[in-house]
Amino acid sequence: MNTVTVPEPRTAAALAARRRKTEAALERVRQLTTDNRTLDERLKAARSNLRFQDRRVADLEARLTEPEPPA
């Protein structure tokens, strides 16, 4: 089976449309990259906060289970 491909027209309008499409795709990639970086930073902050809270809870649990010194 022979398939013949028809080349895209090389008119100024076609080239401009292709350029706009490429620029839009590049802008979308930039936006997704920025969004991904932002989400990564938020995830790291959330993990850090969770570790802090875990340590705080562990400290409080330890204080509750310590025997009180005699008065």
N, C-alpha and C. Protein backbone atom coordinates (compact mmCIF):
# COMPACT_ATOMS: atom_id res chain seq x y z
N MET A 1 0.86 -1.18 0.00
CA MET A 1 0.00 0.00 0.00
C MET A 1 0.90 1.23 0.00
N ASN A 2 0.79 2.02 -1.03
CA ASN A 2 1.56 3.26 -1.14
C ASN A 2 0.72 4.41 -0.63
N THR A 3 1.29 5.16 0.30
CA THR A 3 0.60 6.32 0.83
C THR A 3 1.33 7.56 0.37
N VAL A 4 0.59 8.46 -0.21
CA VAL A 4 1.17 9.71 -0.68
C VAL A 4 0.83 10.78 0.34
N THR A 5 1.86 11.47 0.81
CA THR A 5 1.61 12.56 1.74
C THR A 5 1.67 13.87 0.99
N VAL A 6 0.74 14.69 1.33
CA VAL A 6 0.67 16.00 0.67
C VAL A 6 1.39 16.99 1.59
N PRO A 7 2.41 17.67 1.05
CA PRO A 7 3.13 18.63 1.91
C PRO A 7 2.24 19.79 2.30
N GLU A 8 2.52 20.33 3.50
CA GLU A 8 1.77 21.49 3.95
C GLU A 8 2.09 22.68 3.05
N PRO A 9 1.11 23.54 2.87
CA PRO A 9 1.38 24.72 2.05
C PRO A 9 2.40 25.62 2.72
N ARG A 10 3.22 26.26 1.95
CA ARG A 10 4.27 27.14 2.49
C ARG A 10 3.90 28.61 2.34
N THR A 11 2.64 28.89 2.43
CA THR A 11 2.22 30.28 2.31
C THR A 11 2.54 31.00 3.61
N ALA A 12 2.58 32.31 3.55
CA ALA A 12 2.87 33.11 4.73
C ALA A 12 1.82 32.87 5.80
N ALA A 13 0.57 32.75 5.41
CA ALA A 13 -0.51 32.53 6.37
C ALA A 13 -0.36 31.17 7.04
N ALA A 14 0.01 30.16 6.26
CA ALA A 14 0.18 28.83 6.82
C ALA A 14 1.36 28.80 7.78
N LEU A 15 2.44 29.46 7.41
CA LEU A 15 3.60 29.51 8.29
C LEU A 15 3.31 30.29 9.57
N ALA A 16 2.55 31.37 9.46
CA ALA A 16 2.18 32.16 10.64
C ALA A 16 1.29 31.34 11.56
N ALA A 17 0.35 30.60 10.99
CA ALA A 17 -0.53 29.76 11.79
C ALA A 17 0.26 28.67 12.50
N ARG A 18 1.21 28.09 11.79
CA ARG A 18 2.06 27.06 12.38
C ARG A 18 2.90 27.65 13.52
N ARG A 19 3.42 28.84 13.33
CA ARG A 19 4.22 29.51 14.35
C ARG A 19 3.38 29.79 15.60
N ARG A 20 2.14 30.28 15.39
CA ARG A 20 1.26 30.54 16.52
C ARG A 20 0.95 29.26 17.30
N LYS A 21 0.73 28.20 16.55
CA LYS A 21 0.43 26.91 17.19
C LYS A 21 1.64 26.43 18.01
N THR A 22 2.82 26.57 17.45
CA THR A 22 4.04 26.17 18.16
C THR A 22 4.26 27.04 19.39
N GLU A 23 4.06 28.34 19.26
CA GLU A 23 4.23 29.25 20.39
C GLU A 23 3.22 28.94 21.49
N ALA A 24 2.00 28.62 21.11
CA ALA A 24 0.97 28.27 22.10
C ALA A 24 1.36 26.98 22.83
N ALA A 25 1.89 26.02 22.09
CA ALA A 25 2.31 24.76 22.72
C ALA A 25 3.47 25.00 23.68
N LEU A 26 4.42 25.83 23.27
CA LEU A 26 5.56 26.14 24.14
C LEU A 26 5.10 26.88 25.39
N GLU A 27 4.17 27.79 25.26
CA GLU A 27 3.64 28.51 26.41
C GLU A 27 2.94 27.54 27.36
N ARG A 28 2.23 26.58 26.81
CA ARG A 28 1.54 25.57 27.64
C ARG A 28 2.56 24.73 28.40
N VAL A 29 3.65 24.36 27.73
CA VAL A 29 4.71 23.60 28.40
C VAL A 29 5.32 24.41 29.53
N ARG A 30 5.57 25.70 29.27
CA ARG A 30 6.11 26.57 30.32
C ARG A 30 5.16 26.65 31.51
N GLN A 31 3.88 26.80 31.22
CA GLN A 31 2.88 26.90 32.29
C GLN A 31 2.82 25.61 33.10
N LEU A 32 2.83 24.48 32.41
CA LEU A 32 2.79 23.20 33.11
C LEU A 32 4.05 23.00 33.95
N THR A 33 5.19 23.44 33.45
CA THR A 33 6.43 23.34 34.20
C THR A 33 6.36 24.20 35.46
N THR A 34 5.86 25.40 35.32
CA THR A 34 5.70 26.30 36.48
C THR A 34 4.73 25.70 37.49
N ASP A 35 3.60 25.20 37.00
CA ASP A 35 2.61 24.59 37.89
C ASP A 35 3.21 23.39 38.62
N ASN A 36 3.96 22.58 37.91
CA ASN A 36 4.58 21.41 38.51
C ASN A 36 5.57 21.82 39.59
N ARG A 37 6.36 22.86 39.32
CA ARG A 37 7.33 23.35 40.30
C ARG A 37 6.61 23.87 41.55
N THR A 38 5.52 24.61 41.34
CA THR A 38 4.75 25.14 42.46
C THR A 38 4.16 24.01 43.30
N LEU A 39 3.59 23.02 42.65
CA LEU A 39 3.02 21.89 43.37
C LEU A 39 4.10 21.11 44.13
N ASP A 40 5.27 20.98 43.52
CA ASP A 40 6.38 20.29 44.18
C ASP A 40 6.79 21.03 45.45
N GLU A 41 6.87 22.35 45.36
CA GLU A 41 7.23 23.16 46.54
C GLU A 41 6.18 23.04 47.63
N ARG A 42 4.91 23.05 47.24
CA ARG A 42 3.83 22.92 48.22
C ARG A 42 3.85 21.54 48.88
N LEU A 43 4.14 20.52 48.09
CA LEU A 43 4.23 19.16 48.64
C LEU A 43 5.37 19.06 49.64
N LYS A 44 6.52 19.64 49.29
CA LYS A 44 7.66 19.62 50.22
C LYS A 44 7.32 20.34 51.52
N ALA A 45 6.63 21.47 51.42
CA ALA A 45 6.24 22.21 52.62
C ALA A 45 5.25 21.40 53.46
N ALA A 46 4.31 20.75 52.81
CA ALA A 46 3.32 19.94 53.53
C ALA A 46 4.01 18.78 54.25
N ARG A 47 4.97 18.15 53.58
CA ARG A 47 5.70 17.04 54.21
C ARG A 47 6.49 17.54 55.42
N SER A 48 7.11 18.71 55.27
CA SER A 48 7.88 19.28 56.37
C SER A 48 6.96 19.58 57.56
N ASN A 49 5.80 20.17 57.28
CA ASN A 49 4.84 20.46 58.35
C ASN A 49 4.37 19.19 59.04
N LEU A 50 4.16 18.15 58.25
CA LEU A 50 3.71 16.88 58.81
C LEU A 50 4.79 16.29 59.72
N ARG A 51 6.05 16.35 59.28
CA ARG A 51 7.14 15.85 60.13
C ARG A 51 7.21 16.63 61.44
N PHE A 52 7.04 17.95 61.37
CA PHE A 52 7.04 18.77 62.58
C PHE A 52 5.91 18.34 63.51
N GLN A 53 4.72 18.17 62.95
CA GLN A 53 3.57 17.77 63.76
C GLN A 53 3.78 16.38 64.37
N ASP A 54 4.36 15.46 63.61
CA ASP A 54 4.64 14.13 64.13
C ASP A 54 5.60 14.20 65.32
N ARG A 55 6.64 15.03 65.18
CA ARG A 55 7.59 15.17 66.30
C ARG A 55 6.90 15.78 67.51
N ARG A 56 6.04 16.75 67.28
CA ARG A 56 5.32 17.42 68.38
C ARG A 56 4.42 16.43 69.11
N VAL A 57 3.68 15.63 68.36
CA VAL A 57 2.79 14.62 68.96
C VAL A 57 3.62 13.60 69.74
N ALA A 58 4.73 13.16 69.16
CA ALA A 58 5.58 12.18 69.85
C ALA A 58 6.12 12.77 71.16
N ASP A 59 6.50 14.05 71.14
CA ASP A 59 6.98 14.71 72.35
C ASP A 59 5.88 14.78 73.41
N LEU A 60 4.69 15.16 73.00
CA LEU A 60 3.57 15.23 73.95
C LEU A 60 3.23 13.85 74.51
N GLU A 61 3.26 12.83 73.67
CA GLU A 61 2.99 11.47 74.15
C GLU A 61 4.04 11.05 75.17
N ALA A 62 5.30 11.37 74.89
CA ALA A 62 6.37 11.01 75.81
C ALA A 62 6.19 11.73 77.14
N ARG A 63 5.80 12.99 77.09
CA ARG A 63 5.59 13.75 78.34
C ARG A 63 4.42 13.18 79.14
N LEU A 64 3.40 12.69 78.45
CA LEU A 64 2.24 12.13 79.15
C LEU A 64 2.57 10.79 79.82
N THR A 65 3.47 10.04 79.23
CA THR A 65 3.79 8.72 79.76
C THR A 65 4.92 8.74 80.77
N GLU A 66 5.62 9.86 80.91
CA GLU A 66 6.70 9.96 81.91
C GLU A 66 6.08 9.95 83.31
N PRO A 67 6.71 9.21 84.20
CA PRO A 67 6.21 9.24 85.58
C PRO A 67 6.53 10.59 86.21
N GLU A 68 5.62 11.07 87.01
CA GLU A 68 5.83 12.35 87.68
C GLU A 68 6.84 12.17 88.81
N PRO A 69 7.75 13.11 88.95
CA PRO A 69 8.71 13.01 90.06
C PRO A 69 8.00 13.22 91.39
N PRO A 70 8.47 12.56 92.43
CA PRO A 70 7.83 12.74 93.73
C PRO A 70 8.02 14.16 94.24
N ALA A 71 7.01 14.66 94.87
CA ALA A 71 7.06 16.05 95.37
C ALA A 71 7.70 16.18 96.71
